[in-house]
Amino acid sequence: MYKALLFAAASTLSLAACTSVPMASVSDSTPTAASVAGERFCWKRNLAQSGEKLYCNWSDRGRACERSDSTAIEVARYTEPVAAGRCEDGNYLVRVQPR
Protein backbone atom coordinates (compact mmCIF):
# COMPACT_ATOMS: atom_id res chain seq x y z
CA MET A 1 0.00 0.00 0.00
CA TYR A 2 2.79 2.39 0.97
CA LYS A 3 4.68 1.66 -2.29
CA ALA A 4 1.54 2.28 -4.35
CA LEU A 5 1.02 5.62 -2.64
CA LEU A 6 4.65 6.64 -3.29
CA PHE A 7 4.35 5.59 -6.93
CA ALA A 8 1.17 7.65 -7.38
CA ALA A 9 2.82 10.70 -5.78
CA ALA A 10 5.93 10.35 -7.95
CA SER A 11 3.82 10.02 -11.10
CA THR A 12 1.86 13.15 -10.24
CA LEU A 13 5.04 15.14 -9.60
CA SER A 14 6.64 14.04 -12.86
CA LEU A 15 3.53 15.04 -14.83
CA ALA A 16 3.47 18.42 -13.09
CA ALA A 17 7.12 18.97 -14.00
CA CYS A 18 6.45 18.24 -17.68
CA THR A 19 3.60 20.70 -17.87
CA SER A 20 5.76 23.56 -16.63
CA VAL A 21 8.16 23.49 -19.62
CA PRO A 22 7.97 26.91 -21.32
CA MET A 23 6.47 26.82 -24.79
CA ALA A 24 6.84 29.43 -27.49
CA SER A 25 3.64 31.07 -28.61
CA VAL A 26 2.80 30.27 -32.20
CA SER A 27 -0.77 31.50 -32.20
CA ASP A 28 -0.05 35.20 -31.81
CA SER A 29 2.17 36.88 -34.39
CA THR A 30 2.35 40.19 -32.54
CA PRO A 31 5.29 40.82 -30.21
CA THR A 32 4.58 40.71 -26.50
CA ALA A 33 5.11 43.69 -24.22
CA ALA A 34 8.35 42.09 -23.02
CA SER A 35 9.74 41.86 -26.56
CA VAL A 36 12.54 44.20 -27.52
CA ALA A 37 12.67 45.79 -30.97
CA GLY A 38 15.11 43.86 -33.10
CA GLU A 39 14.98 40.63 -31.10
CA ARG A 40 15.69 37.57 -33.22
CA PHE A 41 14.72 33.97 -32.47
CA CYS A 42 15.83 30.66 -33.95
CA TRP A 43 15.91 26.91 -33.34
CA LYS A 44 18.75 26.07 -30.97
CA ARG A 45 19.73 23.02 -33.04
CA ASN A 46 20.32 25.22 -36.12
CA LEU A 47 22.59 27.74 -34.36
CA ALA A 48 26.16 27.81 -35.68
CA GLN A 49 28.96 30.35 -35.48
CA SER A 50 31.51 30.91 -38.20
CA GLY A 51 33.98 33.71 -37.63
CA GLU A 52 32.09 36.85 -36.64
CA LYS A 53 28.69 35.58 -37.80
CA LEU A 54 25.90 33.54 -36.19
CA TYR A 55 23.98 31.40 -38.67
CA CYS A 56 20.47 30.19 -37.89
CA ASN A 57 16.86 30.32 -39.10
CA TRP A 58 16.43 33.81 -37.58
CA SER A 59 12.94 35.29 -37.38
CA ASP A 60 10.71 37.39 -35.16
CA ARG A 61 8.83 35.91 -32.19
CA GLY A 62 5.62 35.28 -34.12
CA ARG A 63 7.33 33.10 -36.74
CA ALA A 64 10.03 31.56 -34.55
CA CYS A 65 8.58 28.05 -34.76
CA GLU A 66 8.19 28.01 -38.53
CA ARG A 67 10.84 26.42 -40.71
CA SER A 68 12.86 29.00 -42.64
CA ASP A 69 16.20 29.33 -44.40
CA SER A 70 19.39 29.99 -42.48
CA THR A 71 20.63 33.57 -42.45
CA ALA A 72 23.58 35.26 -40.75
CA ILE A 73 23.77 38.04 -38.17
CA GLU A 74 26.91 39.76 -36.89
CA VAL A 75 28.06 38.53 -33.48
CA ALA A 76 29.17 42.01 -32.39
CA ARG A 77 25.73 43.54 -32.98
CA TYR A 78 23.75 41.11 -30.78
CA THR A 79 23.87 39.67 -27.27
CA GLU A 80 24.82 36.07 -26.55
CA PRO A 81 22.03 33.61 -27.46
CA VAL A 82 19.85 32.66 -24.47
CA ALA A 83 17.12 30.06 -24.01
CA ALA A 84 13.72 31.31 -25.19
CA GLY A 85 11.29 28.43 -24.68
CA ARG A 86 10.19 25.62 -26.90
CA CYS A 87 7.97 25.19 -29.95
CA GLU A 88 5.00 22.85 -29.97
CA ASP A 89 6.95 20.50 -32.27
CA GLY A 90 9.70 20.15 -29.62
CA ASN A 91 12.34 22.47 -31.08
CA TYR A 92 14.05 24.61 -28.45
CA LEU A 93 14.45 28.30 -29.23
CA VAL A 94 17.22 30.79 -28.53
CA ARG A 95 16.95 34.59 -28.55
CA VAL A 96 19.39 37.40 -29.24
CA GLN A 97 18.85 41.14 -28.71
CA PRO A 98 20.55 44.08 -30.37
CA ARG A 99 23.37 45.66 -28.37
PDB file of N, CA and C in Angstrom:
ATOM      1  N   MET A   1       0.823  -1.193   0.000  1.00  0.00           N
ATOM      2  CA  MET A   1       0.000   0.000   0.000  1.00  0.00           C
ATOM      3  C   MET A   1       0.869   1.259   0.000  1.00  0.00           C
ATOM      4  N   TYR A   2       1.896   1.236   0.860  1.00  0.00           N
ATOM      5  CA  TYR A   2       2.794   2.388   0.974  1.00  0.00           C
ATOM      6  C   TYR A   2       3.523   2.633  -0.349  1.00  0.00           C
ATOM      7  N   LYS A   3       3.980   1.535  -1.000  1.00  0.00           N
ATOM      8  CA  LYS A   3       4.683   1.662  -2.288  1.00  0.00           C
ATOM      9  C   LYS A   3       3.760   2.212  -3.370  1.00  0.00           C
ATOM     10  N   ALA A   4       2.508   1.782  -3.362  1.00  0.00           N
ATOM     11  CA  ALA A   4       1.545   2.275  -4.352  1.00  0.00           C
ATOM     12  C   ALA A   4       1.291   3.759  -4.170  1.00  0.00           C
ATOM     13  N   LEU A   5       1.224   4.202  -2.924  1.00  0.00           N
ATOM     14  CA  LEU A   5       1.022   5.621  -2.639  1.00  0.00           C
ATOM     15  C   LEU A   5       2.221   6.447  -3.093  1.00  0.00           C
ATOM     16  N   LEU A   6       3.436   5.952  -2.838  1.00  0.00           N
ATOM     17  CA  LEU A   6       4.648   6.640  -3.286  1.00  0.00           C
ATOM     18  C   LEU A   6       4.710   6.705  -4.812  1.00  0.00           C
ATOM     19  N   PHE A   7       4.352   5.611  -5.468  1.00  0.00           N
ATOM     20  CA  PHE A   7       4.354   5.594  -6.928  1.00  0.00           C
ATOM     21  C   PHE A   7       3.370   6.616  -7.490  1.00  0.00           C
ATOM     22  N   ALA A   8       2.177   6.689  -6.915  1.00  0.00           N
ATOM     23  CA  ALA A   8       1.172   7.650  -7.376  1.00  0.00           C
ATOM     24  C   ALA A   8       1.658   9.081  -7.177  1.00  0.00           C
ATOM     25  N   ALA A   9       2.301   9.355  -6.047  1.00  0.00           N
ATOM     26  CA  ALA A   9       2.817  10.702  -5.781  1.00  0.00           C
ATOM     27  C   ALA A   9       3.931  11.053  -6.760  1.00  0.00           C
ATOM     28  N   ALA A  10       4.832  10.104  -7.015  1.00  0.00           N
ATOM     29  CA  ALA A  10       5.933  10.354  -7.947  1.00  0.00           C
ATOM     30  C   ALA A  10       5.406  10.593  -9.355  1.00  0.00           C
ATOM     31  N   SER A  11       4.407   9.837  -9.766  1.00  0.00           N
ATOM     32  CA  SER A  11       3.819  10.021 -11.102  1.00  0.00           C
ATOM     33  C   SER A  11       3.191  11.403 -11.241  1.00  0.00           C
ATOM     34  N   THR A  12       2.499  11.837 -10.214  1.00  0.00           N
ATOM     35  CA  THR A  12       1.856  13.153 -10.241  1.00  0.00           C
ATOM     36  C   THR A  12       2.898  14.256 -10.332  1.00  0.00           C
ATOM     37  N   LEU A  13       3.988  14.124  -9.567  1.00  0.00           N
ATOM     38  CA  LEU A  13       5.041  15.138  -9.598  1.00  0.00           C
ATOM     39  C   LEU A  13       5.733  15.190 -10.952  1.00  0.00           C
ATOM     40  N   SER A  14       5.978  14.033 -11.557  1.00  0.00           N
ATOM     41  CA  SER A  14       6.644  14.035 -12.856  1.00  0.00           C
ATOM     42  C   SER A  14       5.754  14.646 -13.929  1.00  0.00           C
ATOM     43  N   LEU A  15       4.447  14.417 -13.874  1.00  0.00           N
ATOM     44  CA  LEU A  15       3.528  15.044 -14.826  1.00  0.00           C
ATOM     45  C   LEU A  15       3.478  16.547 -14.621  1.00  0.00           C
ATOM     46  N   ALA A  16       3.488  16.986 -13.381  1.00  0.00           N
ATOM     47  CA  ALA A  16       3.468  18.420 -13.094  1.00  0.00           C
ATOM     48  C   ALA A  16       4.733  19.083 -13.606  1.00  0.00           C
ATOM     49  N   ALA A  17       5.866  18.405 -13.508  1.00  0.00           N
ATOM     50  CA  ALA A  17       7.124  18.971 -13.998  1.00  0.00           C
ATOM     51  C   ALA A  17       7.097  19.121 -15.512  1.00  0.00           C
ATOM     52  N   CYS A  18       6.517  18.182 -16.216  1.00  0.00           N
ATOM     53  CA  CYS A  18       6.454  18.243 -17.679  1.00  0.00           C
ATOM     54  C   CYS A  18       5.547  19.372 -18.161  1.00  0.00           C
ATOM     55  N   THR A  19       4.516  19.667 -17.424  1.00  0.00           N
ATOM     56  CA  THR A  19       3.598  20.698 -17.875  1.00  0.00           C
ATOM     57  C   THR A  19       4.132  22.096 -17.645  1.00  0.00           C
ATOM     58  N   SER A  20       5.231  22.227 -16.899  1.00  0.00           N
ATOM     59  CA  SER A  20       5.765  23.557 -16.631  1.00  0.00           C
ATOM     60  C   SER A  20       6.864  23.970 -17.610  1.00  0.00           C
ATOM     61  N   VAL A  21       7.159  23.137 -18.627  1.00  0.00           N
ATOM     62  CA  VAL A  21       8.164  23.487 -19.624  1.00  0.00           C
ATOM     63  C   VAL A  21       7.655  24.666 -20.440  1.00  0.00           C
ATOM     64  N   PRO A  22       8.449  25.745 -20.566  1.00  0.00           N
ATOM     65  CA  PRO A  22       7.973  26.909 -21.322  1.00  0.00           C
ATOM     66  C   PRO A  22       7.813  26.580 -22.803  1.00  0.00           C
ATOM     67  N   MET A  23       6.745  27.044 -23.381  1.00  0.00           N
ATOM     68  CA  MET A  23       6.468  26.824 -24.794  1.00  0.00           C
ATOM     69  C   MET A  23       6.406  28.172 -25.506  1.00  0.00           C
ATOM     70  N   ALA A  24       6.910  28.211 -26.705  1.00  0.00           N
ATOM     71  CA  ALA A  24       6.838  29.432 -27.491  1.00  0.00           C
ATOM     72  C   ALA A  24       5.431  29.602 -28.029  1.00  0.00           C
ATOM     73  N   SER A  25       4.973  30.805 -28.088  1.00  0.00           N
ATOM     74  CA  SER A  25       3.643  31.069 -28.613  1.00  0.00           C
ATOM     75  C   SER A  25       3.697  31.085 -30.131  1.00  0.00           C
ATOM     76  N   VAL A  26       2.865  30.282 -30.744  1.00  0.00           N
ATOM     77  CA  VAL A  26       2.805  30.271 -32.204  1.00  0.00           C
ATOM     78  C   VAL A  26       1.471  30.796 -32.698  1.00  0.00           C
ATOM     79  N   SER A  27       0.552  31.062 -31.785  1.00  0.00           N
ATOM     80  CA  SER A  27      -0.772  31.497 -32.201  1.00  0.00           C
ATOM     81  C   SER A  27      -0.884  33.003 -32.357  1.00  0.00           C
ATOM     82  N   ASP A  28       0.026  33.748 -31.768  1.00  0.00           N
ATOM     83  CA  ASP A  28      -0.046  35.202 -31.806  1.00  0.00           C
ATOM     84  C   ASP A  28       1.193  35.742 -32.507  1.00  0.00           C
ATOM     85  N   SER A  29       1.024  36.396 -33.639  1.00  0.00           N
ATOM     86  CA  SER A  29       2.172  36.885 -34.391  1.00  0.00           C
ATOM     87  C   SER A  29       2.621  38.269 -33.958  1.00  0.00           C
ATOM     88  N   THR A  30       1.934  38.872 -32.999  1.00  0.00           N
ATOM     89  CA  THR A  30       2.349  40.191 -32.536  1.00  0.00           C
ATOM     90  C   THR A  30       3.310  40.053 -31.382  1.00  0.00           C
ATOM     91  N   PRO A  31       4.332  40.907 -31.305  1.00  0.00           N
ATOM     92  CA  PRO A  31       5.288  40.824 -30.215  1.00  0.00           C
ATOM     93  C   PRO A  31       4.611  41.112 -28.871  1.00  0.00           C
ATOM     94  N   THR A  32       5.103  40.467 -27.830  1.00  0.00           N
ATOM     95  CA  THR A  32       4.577  40.709 -26.499  1.00  0.00           C
ATOM     96  C   THR A  32       5.173  41.991 -25.941  1.00  0.00           C
ATOM     97  N   ALA A  33       4.620  42.462 -24.837  1.00  0.00           N
ATOM     98  CA  ALA A  33       5.113  43.691 -24.217  1.00  0.00           C
ATOM     99  C   ALA A  33       6.565  43.543 -23.790  1.00  0.00           C
ATOM    100  N   ALA A  34       6.980  42.318 -23.473  1.00  0.00           N
ATOM    101  CA  ALA A  34       8.348  42.087 -23.023  1.00  0.00           C
ATOM    102  C   ALA A  34       9.338  42.024 -24.184  1.00  0.00           C
ATOM    103  N   SER A  35       8.855  41.943 -25.411  1.00  0.00           N
ATOM    104  CA  SER A  35       9.742  41.860 -26.564  1.00  0.00           C
ATOM    105  C   SER A  35      10.486  43.173 -26.779  1.00  0.00           C
ATOM    106  N   VAL A  36      11.709  43.048 -27.229  1.00  0.00           N
ATOM    107  CA  VAL A  36      12.539  44.205 -27.516  1.00  0.00           C
ATOM    108  C   VAL A  36      12.630  44.343 -29.031  1.00  0.00           C
ATOM    109  N   ALA A  37      12.561  45.566 -29.525  1.00  0.00           N
ATOM    110  CA  ALA A  37      12.672  45.795 -30.971  1.00  0.00           C
ATOM    111  C   ALA A  37      13.989  45.214 -31.468  1.00  0.00           C
ATOM    112  N   GLY A  38      13.910  44.441 -32.518  1.00  0.00           N
ATOM    113  CA  GLY A  38      15.110  43.864 -33.102  1.00  0.00           C
ATOM    114  C   GLY A  38      15.483  42.500 -32.552  1.00  0.00           C
ATOM    115  N   GLU A  39      14.705  41.972 -31.598  1.00  0.00           N
ATOM    116  CA  GLU A  39      14.978  40.629 -31.101  1.00  0.00           C
ATOM    117  C   GLU A  39      14.861  39.633 -32.239  1.00  0.00           C
ATOM    118  N   ARG A  40      15.730  38.633 -32.214  1.00  0.00           N
ATOM    119  CA  ARG A  40      15.688  37.574 -33.220  1.00  0.00           C
ATOM    120  C   ARG A  40      15.645  36.234 -32.503  1.00  0.00           C
ATOM    121  N   PHE A  41      14.882  35.298 -33.046  1.00  0.00           N
ATOM    122  CA  PHE A  41      14.721  33.972 -32.466  1.00  0.00           C
ATOM    123  C   PHE A  41      15.084  32.923 -33.504  1.00  0.00           C
ATOM    124  N   CYS A  42      15.564  31.775 -33.039  1.00  0.00           N
ATOM    125  CA  CYS A  42      15.829  30.662 -33.951  1.00  0.00           C
ATOM    126  C   CYS A  42      15.847  29.353 -33.185  1.00  0.00           C
ATOM    127  N   TRP A  43      15.838  28.237 -33.942  1.00  0.00           N
ATOM    128  CA  TRP A  43      15.911  26.914 -33.336  1.00  0.00           C
ATOM    129  C   TRP A  43      17.329  26.699 -32.818  1.00  0.00           C
ATOM    130  N   LYS A  44      17.442  26.282 -31.590  1.00  0.00           N
ATOM    131  CA  LYS A  44      18.751  26.068 -30.970  1.00  0.00           C
ATOM    132  C   LYS A  44      19.594  25.078 -31.777  1.00  0.00           C
ATOM    133  N   ARG A  45      18.970  24.041 -32.307  1.00  0.00           N
ATOM    134  CA  ARG A  45      19.729  23.018 -33.042  1.00  0.00           C
ATOM    135  C   ARG A  45      20.326  23.543 -34.349  1.00  0.00           C
ATOM    136  N   ASN A  46      19.807  24.653 -34.873  1.00  0.00           N
ATOM    137  CA  ASN A  46      20.315  25.222 -36.120  1.00  0.00           C
ATOM    138  C   ASN A  46      21.404  26.272 -35.906  1.00  0.00           C
ATOM    139  N   LEU A  47      21.649  26.657 -34.663  1.00  0.00           N
ATOM    140  CA  LEU A  47      22.590  27.737 -34.356  1.00  0.00           C
ATOM    141  C   LEU A  47      24.035  27.301 -34.608  1.00  0.00           C
ATOM    142  N   ALA A  48      24.751  28.087 -35.397  1.00  0.00           N
ATOM    143  CA  ALA A  48      26.160  27.806 -35.681  1.00  0.00           C
ATOM    144  C   ALA A  48      26.910  29.124 -35.835  1.00  0.00           C
ATOM    145  N   GLN A  49      28.136  29.155 -35.332  1.00  0.00           N
ATOM    146  CA  GLN A  49      28.960  30.352 -35.477  1.00  0.00           C
ATOM    147  C   GLN A  49      30.115  30.049 -36.412  1.00  0.00           C
ATOM    148  N   SER A  50      30.377  30.992 -37.303  1.00  0.00           N
ATOM    149  CA  SER A  50      31.514  30.910 -38.203  1.00  0.00           C
ATOM    150  C   SER A  50      32.148  32.292 -38.256  1.00  0.00           C
ATOM    151  N   GLY A  51      33.329  32.410 -37.690  1.00  0.00           N
ATOM    152  CA  GLY A  51      33.982  33.710 -37.629  1.00  0.00           C
ATOM    153  C   GLY A  51      33.173  34.671 -36.790  1.00  0.00           C
ATOM    154  N   GLU A  52      32.843  35.804 -37.347  1.00  0.00           N
ATOM    155  CA  GLU A  52      32.094  36.846 -36.639  1.00  0.00           C
ATOM    156  C   GLU A  52      30.601  36.818 -36.961  1.00  0.00           C
ATOM    157  N   LYS A  53      30.101  35.687 -37.432  1.00  0.00           N
ATOM    158  CA  LYS A  53      28.692  35.581 -37.805  1.00  0.00           C
ATOM    159  C   LYS A  53      28.031  34.407 -37.077  1.00  0.00           C
ATOM    160  N   LEU A  54      26.748  34.602 -36.732  1.00  0.00           N
ATOM    161  CA  LEU A  54      25.902  33.541 -36.192  1.00  0.00           C
ATOM    162  C   LEU A  54      24.891  33.159 -37.263  1.00  0.00           C
ATOM    163  N   TYR A  55      24.898  31.895 -37.653  1.00  0.00           N
ATOM    164  CA  TYR A  55      23.976  31.402 -38.672  1.00  0.00           C
ATOM    165  C   TYR A  55      22.852  30.625 -37.999  1.00  0.00           C
ATOM    166  N   CYS A  56      21.633  30.881 -38.430  1.00  0.00           N
ATOM    167  CA  CYS A  56      20.471  30.188 -37.890  1.00  0.00           C
ATOM    168  C   CYS A  56      19.255  30.554 -38.738  1.00  0.00           C
ATOM    169  N   ASN A  57      18.110  29.961 -38.416  1.00  0.00           N
ATOM    170  CA  ASN A  57      16.863  30.322 -39.097  1.00  0.00           C
ATOM    171  C   ASN A  57      16.214  31.486 -38.338  1.00  0.00           C
ATOM    172  N   TRP A  58      16.862  32.639 -38.335  1.00  0.00           N
ATOM    173  CA  TRP A  58      16.432  33.814 -37.578  1.00  0.00           C
ATOM    174  C   TRP A  58      15.079  34.325 -38.045  1.00  0.00           C
ATOM    175  N   SER A  59      14.238  34.685 -37.076  1.00  0.00           N
ATOM    176  CA  SER A  59      12.939  35.285 -37.384  1.00  0.00           C
ATOM    177  C   SER A  59      12.445  36.046 -36.165  1.00  0.00           C
ATOM    178  N   ASP A  60      11.293  36.700 -36.309  1.00  0.00           N
ATOM    179  CA  ASP A  60      10.711  37.389 -35.160  1.00  0.00           C
ATOM    180  C   ASP A  60       9.966  36.373 -34.297  1.00  0.00           C
ATOM    181  N   ARG A  61       9.473  36.814 -33.155  1.00  0.00           N
ATOM    182  CA  ARG A  61       8.826  35.914 -32.193  1.00  0.00           C
ATOM    183  C   ARG A  61       7.625  35.183 -32.791  1.00  0.00           C
ATOM    184  N   GLY A  62       6.835  35.875 -33.578  1.00  0.00           N
ATOM    185  CA  GLY A  62       5.622  35.282 -34.121  1.00  0.00           C
ATOM    186  C   GLY A  62       5.868  34.152 -35.103  1.00  0.00           C
ATOM    187  N   ARG A  63       7.026  34.138 -35.745  1.00  0.00           N
ATOM    188  CA  ARG A  63       7.326  33.105 -36.738  1.00  0.00           C
ATOM    189  C   ARG A  63       8.485  32.211 -36.310  1.00  0.00           C
ATOM    190  N   ALA A  64       8.854  32.276 -35.043  1.00  0.00           N
ATOM    191  CA  ALA A  64      10.033  31.560 -34.554  1.00  0.00           C
ATOM    192  C   ALA A  64       9.928  30.045 -34.726  1.00  0.00           C
ATOM    193  N   CYS A  65       8.745  29.507 -34.684  1.00  0.00           N
ATOM    194  CA  CYS A  65       8.578  28.055 -34.757  1.00  0.00           C
ATOM    195  C   CYS A  65       8.348  27.544 -36.169  1.00  0.00           C
ATOM    196  N   GLU A  66       8.347  28.424 -37.144  1.00  0.00           N
ATOM    197  CA  GLU A  66       8.194  28.012 -38.533  1.00  0.00           C
ATOM    198  C   GLU A  66       9.561  27.699 -39.125  1.00  0.00           C
ATOM    199  N   ARG A  67       9.582  26.751 -40.032  1.00  0.00           N
ATOM    200  CA  ARG A  67      10.837  26.424 -40.712  1.00  0.00           C
ATOM    201  C   ARG A  67      11.174  27.553 -41.684  1.00  0.00           C
ATOM    202  N   SER A  68      12.423  27.972 -41.689  1.00  0.00           N
ATOM    203  CA  SER A  68      12.860  28.999 -42.637  1.00  0.00           C
ATOM    204  C   SER A  68      14.330  28.772 -42.962  1.00  0.00           C
ATOM    205  N   ASP A  69      14.807  29.470 -43.976  1.00  0.00           N
ATOM    206  CA  ASP A  69      16.200  29.329 -44.398  1.00  0.00           C
ATOM    207  C   ASP A  69      17.146  29.961 -43.396  1.00  0.00           C
ATOM    208  N   SER A  70      18.357  29.466 -43.367  1.00  0.00           N
ATOM    209  CA  SER A  70      19.385  29.994 -42.481  1.00  0.00           C
ATOM    210  C   SER A  70      19.906  31.324 -43.017  1.00  0.00           C
ATOM    211  N   THR A  71      20.038  32.275 -42.114  1.00  0.00           N
ATOM    212  CA  THR A  71      20.628  33.571 -42.451  1.00  0.00           C
ATOM    213  C   THR A  71      21.686  33.897 -41.402  1.00  0.00           C
ATOM    214  N   ALA A  72      22.496  34.896 -41.661  1.00  0.00           N
ATOM    215  CA  ALA A  72      23.582  35.263 -40.750  1.00  0.00           C
ATOM    216  C   ALA A  72      23.325  36.623 -40.111  1.00  0.00           C
ATOM    217  N   ILE A  73      23.747  36.745 -38.852  1.00  0.00           N
ATOM    218  CA  ILE A  73      23.770  38.039 -38.171  1.00  0.00           C
ATOM    219  C   ILE A  73      25.184  38.232 -37.619  1.00  0.00           C
ATOM    220  N   GLU A  74      25.569  39.473 -37.406  1.00  0.00           N
ATOM    221  CA  GLU A  74      26.908  39.758 -36.893  1.00  0.00           C
ATOM    222  C   GLU A  74      26.945  39.584 -35.379  1.00  0.00           C
ATOM    223  N   VAL A  75      27.921  38.815 -34.907  1.00  0.00           N
ATOM    224  CA  VAL A  75      28.063  38.530 -33.475  1.00  0.00           C
ATOM    225  C   VAL A  75      28.167  39.817 -32.668  1.00  0.00           C
ATOM    226  N   ALA A  76      28.924  40.786 -33.140  1.00  0.00           N
ATOM    227  CA  ALA A  76      29.173  42.014 -32.391  1.00  0.00           C
ATOM    228  C   ALA A  76      27.926  42.875 -32.207  1.00  0.00           C
ATOM    229  N   ARG A  77      26.925  42.689 -33.044  1.00  0.00           N
ATOM    230  CA  ARG A  77      25.733  43.543 -32.984  1.00  0.00           C
ATOM    231  C   ARG A  77      24.631  42.992 -32.089  1.00  0.00           C
ATOM    232  N   TYR A  78      24.794  41.753 -31.584  1.00  0.00           N
ATOM    233  CA  TYR A  78      23.750  41.110 -30.780  1.00  0.00           C
ATOM    234  C   TYR A  78      24.340  40.517 -29.502  1.00  0.00           C
ATOM    235  N   THR A  79      23.467  40.312 -28.513  1.00  0.00           N
ATOM    236  CA  THR A  79      23.865  39.671 -27.267  1.00  0.00           C
ATOM    237  C   THR A  79      24.102  38.181 -27.501  1.00  0.00           C
ATOM    238  N   GLU A  80      24.655  37.523 -26.500  1.00  0.00           N
ATOM    239  CA  GLU A  80      24.815  36.068 -26.554  1.00  0.00           C
ATOM    240  C   GLU A  80      23.445  35.400 -26.646  1.00  0.00           C
ATOM    241  N   PRO A  81      23.305  34.321 -27.400  1.00  0.00           N
ATOM    242  CA  PRO A  81      22.025  33.611 -27.459  1.00  0.00           C
ATOM    243  C   PRO A  81      21.648  33.046 -26.087  1.00  0.00           C
ATOM    244  N   VAL A  82      20.371  33.198 -25.720  1.00  0.00           N
ATOM    245  CA  VAL A  82      19.849  32.664 -24.467  1.00  0.00           C
ATOM    246  C   VAL A  82      18.609  31.836 -24.759  1.00  0.00           C
ATOM    247  N   ALA A  83      18.304  30.914 -23.860  1.00  0.00           N
ATOM    248  CA  ALA A  83      17.124  30.058 -24.013  1.00  0.00           C
ATOM    249  C   ALA A  83      15.865  30.908 -24.086  1.00  0.00           C
ATOM    250  N   ALA A  84      14.944  30.521 -24.985  1.00  0.00           N
ATOM    251  CA  ALA A  84      13.723  31.310 -25.190  1.00  0.00           C
ATOM    252  C   ALA A  84      12.484  30.434 -25.301  1.00  0.00           C
ATOM    253  N   GLY A  85      12.477  29.282 -24.652  1.00  0.00           N
ATOM    254  CA  GLY A  85      11.289  28.431 -24.680  1.00  0.00           C
ATOM    255  C   GLY A  85      11.393  27.317 -25.692  1.00  0.00           C
ATOM    256  N   ARG A  86      10.239  26.774 -26.020  1.00  0.00           N
ATOM    257  CA  ARG A  86      10.192  25.619 -26.905  1.00  0.00           C
ATOM    258  C   ARG A  86       8.956  25.679 -27.786  1.00  0.00           C
ATOM    259  N   CYS A  87       9.093  25.249 -29.015  1.00  0.00           N
ATOM    260  CA  CYS A  87       7.972  25.193 -29.954  1.00  0.00           C
ATOM    261  C   CYS A  87       7.117  23.966 -29.655  1.00  0.00           C
ATOM    262  N   GLU A  88       5.898  23.982 -30.160  1.00  0.00           N
ATOM    263  CA  GLU A  88       5.004  22.850 -29.968  1.00  0.00           C
ATOM    264  C   GLU A  88       5.542  21.571 -30.594  1.00  0.00           C
ATOM    265  N   ASP A  89       6.387  21.686 -31.627  1.00  0.00           N
ATOM    266  CA  ASP A  89       6.954  20.501 -32.266  1.00  0.00           C
ATOM    267  C   ASP A  89       8.190  19.977 -31.538  1.00  0.00           C
ATOM    268  N   GLY A  90       8.584  20.622 -30.434  1.00  0.00           N
ATOM    269  CA  GLY A  90       9.702  20.147 -29.623  1.00  0.00           C
ATOM    270  C   GLY A  90      11.007  20.881 -29.837  1.00  0.00           C
ATOM    271  N   ASN A  91      11.104  21.733 -30.849  1.00  0.00           N
ATOM    272  CA  ASN A  91      12.335  22.473 -31.083  1.00  0.00           C
ATOM    273  C   ASN A  91      12.529  23.542 -30.014  1.00  0.00           C
ATOM    274  N   TYR A  92      13.718  23.560 -29.423  1.00  0.00           N
ATOM    275  CA  TYR A  92      14.047  24.605 -28.452  1.00  0.00           C
ATOM    276  C   TYR A  92      14.469  25.862 -29.192  1.00  0.00           C
ATOM    277  N   LEU A  93      14.126  27.016 -28.628  1.00  0.00           N
ATOM    278  CA  LEU A  93      14.447  28.301 -29.233  1.00  0.00           C
ATOM    279  C   LEU A  93      15.537  29.023 -28.439  1.00  0.00           C
ATOM    280  N   VAL A  94      16.304  29.839 -29.155  1.00  0.00           N
ATOM    281  CA  VAL A  94      17.222  30.786 -28.533  1.00  0.00           C
ATOM    282  C   VAL A  94      16.863  32.175 -29.011  1.00  0.00           C
ATOM    283  N   ARG A  95      17.260  33.191 -28.229  1.00  0.00           N
ATOM    284  CA  ARG A  95      16.946  34.588 -28.549  1.00  0.00           C
ATOM    285  C   ARG A  95      18.211  35.417 -28.443  1.00  0.00           C
ATOM    286  N   VAL A  96      18.335  36.391 -29.341  1.00  0.00           N
ATOM    287  CA  VAL A  96      19.387  37.400 -29.239  1.00  0.00           C
ATOM    288  C   VAL A  96      18.710  38.774 -29.298  1.00  0.00           C
ATOM    289  N   GLN A  97      19.365  39.761 -28.687  1.00  0.00           N
ATOM    290  CA  GLN A  97      18.855  41.135 -28.707  1.00  0.00           C
ATOM    291  C   GLN A  97      19.950  42.054 -29.247  1.00  0.00           C
ATOM    292  N   PRO A  98      19.552  43.133 -29.895  1.00  0.00           N
ATOM    293  CA  PRO A  98      20.555  44.083 -30.374  1.00  0.00           C
ATOM    294  C   PRO A  98      21.312  44.696 -29.206  1.00  0.00           C
ATOM    295  N   ARG A  99      22.562  44.999 -29.417  1.00  0.00           N
ATOM    296  CA  ARG A  99      23.373  45.656 -28.366  1.00  0.00           C
ATOM    297  C   ARG A  99      23.097  47.125 -28.351  1.00  0.00           C
TER     298      ARG A  99
END
